[in-house]
Amino acid sequence: MARLEEIENDLANRQNVLESAASQWFVAKRDREHKRAVEFLKAEGSVAERNAIADRVTAREGAQQEAEYEALKAVVRTLDTRASIGMSLLRAQGRAA
């Protein structure tokens, strides 16, 4: 039971951080999409060449924000899974008693 409380507290503490990271990632993603569109329109050549140029210029935009968001999302998923396992174990103990 104490372990579930620890997981609950950990999830509560990470919630604001995850929400902030998600917000930063989605803003960075939109900025990257906008910059890619601008670069595509500025580029010359065939559509494929223009796409390649736009992708090359914007490929690293928002990488840090995406990485932070995905990492936090993975941690929260793991904590959720651990909490589910813990609750299942408690239910099983309750039925056995």
Protein backbone atom coordinates (compact mmCIF):
# COMPACT_ATOMS: atom_id res chain seq x y z
CA MET A 1 0.00 0.00 0.00
CA ALA A 2 2.83 2.39 0.82
CA ARG A 3 4.37 1.71 -2.58
CA LEU A 4 1.13 2.70 -4.33
CA GLU A 5 1.09 5.93 -2.34
CA GLU A 6 4.66 6.63 -3.48
CA ILE A 7 3.67 6.03 -7.10
CA GLU A 8 0.63 8.28 -6.71
CA ASN A 9 2.79 11.07 -5.27
CA ASP A 10 5.36 10.62 -8.02
CA LEU A 11 2.66 10.84 -10.69
CA ALA A 12 1.18 13.94 -9.09
CA ASN A 13 4.60 15.61 -9.02
CA ARG A 14 5.30 14.74 -12.64
CA GLN A 15 1.91 15.83 -13.97
CA ASN A 16 2.75 19.54 -14.15
CA VAL A 17 6.16 18.83 -15.64
CA LEU A 18 4.59 16.55 -18.27
CA GLU A 19 1.93 19.14 -19.13
CA SER A 20 4.58 21.83 -19.50
CA ALA A 21 6.75 19.61 -21.68
CA ALA A 22 3.75 18.72 -23.84
CA SER A 23 2.89 22.38 -24.30
CA GLN A 24 6.46 23.27 -25.23
CA TRP A 25 6.67 20.36 -27.68
CA PHE A 26 3.43 21.23 -29.46
CA VAL A 27 4.44 24.89 -29.77
CA ALA A 28 7.86 23.84 -31.12
CA LYS A 29 6.17 21.41 -33.51
CA ARG A 30 3.94 24.15 -34.92
CA ASP A 31 6.90 26.50 -35.22
CA ARG A 32 8.84 23.81 -37.08
CA GLU A 33 5.93 23.16 -39.44
CA HIS A 34 5.64 26.88 -40.15
CA LYS A 35 9.36 27.25 -40.76
CA ARG A 36 9.31 24.20 -43.03
CA ALA A 37 6.48 25.71 -45.10
CA VAL A 38 8.38 28.99 -45.41
CA GLU A 39 11.56 27.18 -46.43
CA PHE A 40 9.65 25.09 -48.95
CA LEU A 41 8.20 28.21 -50.56
CA LYS A 42 11.61 29.93 -50.65
CA ALA A 43 13.38 26.94 -52.21
CA GLU A 44 13.80 26.44 -55.93
CA GLY A 45 13.67 23.22 -57.92
CA SER A 46 11.26 20.34 -58.24
CA VAL A 47 8.79 19.57 -55.49
CA ALA A 48 11.02 16.74 -54.27
CA GLU A 49 14.04 19.05 -54.15
CA ARG A 50 12.09 21.74 -52.36
CA ASN A 51 10.84 19.18 -49.81
CA ALA A 52 14.40 17.96 -49.25
CA ILE A 53 15.67 21.51 -48.73
CA ALA A 54 12.86 22.37 -46.32
CA ASP A 55 13.39 19.13 -44.39
CA ARG A 56 17.14 19.70 -44.17
CA VAL A 57 16.72 23.22 -42.82
CA THR A 58 14.13 22.27 -40.19
CA ALA A 59 15.08 18.71 -39.24
CA ARG A 60 16.48 19.59 -35.81
CA GLU A 61 13.85 22.17 -34.86
CA GLY A 62 12.09 21.18 -31.63
CA ALA A 63 14.19 18.06 -31.07
CA GLN A 64 14.91 18.90 -27.42
CA GLN A 65 11.26 19.64 -26.64
CA GLU A 66 10.14 16.42 -28.33
CA ALA A 67 12.73 14.37 -26.46
CA GLU A 68 11.72 15.80 -23.08
CA TYR A 69 8.03 15.23 -23.75
CA GLU A 70 8.51 11.66 -24.97
CA ALA A 71 10.81 10.80 -22.04
CA LEU A 72 8.34 12.12 -19.47
CA LYS A 73 5.47 10.37 -21.23
CA ALA A 74 7.36 7.07 -21.01
CA VAL A 75 8.05 7.55 -17.29
CA VAL A 76 4.40 8.27 -16.59
CA ARG A 77 3.31 5.20 -18.59
CA THR A 78 5.71 3.07 -16.55
CA LEU A 79 4.38 4.48 -13.28
CA ASP A 80 0.80 3.83 -14.44
CA THR A 81 1.69 0.24 -15.23
CA ARG A 82 3.37 -0.23 -11.86
CA ALA A 83 0.32 1.22 -10.10
CA SER A 84 -1.99 -1.13 -12.01
CA ILE A 85 0.14 -4.12 -11.06
CA GLY A 86 0.16 -3.01 -7.43
CA MET A 87 -3.63 -2.63 -7.37
CA SER A 88 -4.04 -6.07 -8.94
CA LEU A 89 -1.80 -7.57 -6.28
CA LEU A 90 -3.79 -5.88 -3.51
CA ARG A 91 -7.07 -7.18 -4.98
CA ALA A 92 -5.63 -10.67 -5.20
CA GLN A 93 -4.48 -10.51 -1.59
CA GLY A 94 -7.92 -9.31 -0.55
CA ARG A 95 -9.61 -12.24 -2.27
CA ALA A 96 -7.15 -14.71 -0.75
CA ALA A 97 -7.77 -13.41 2.76
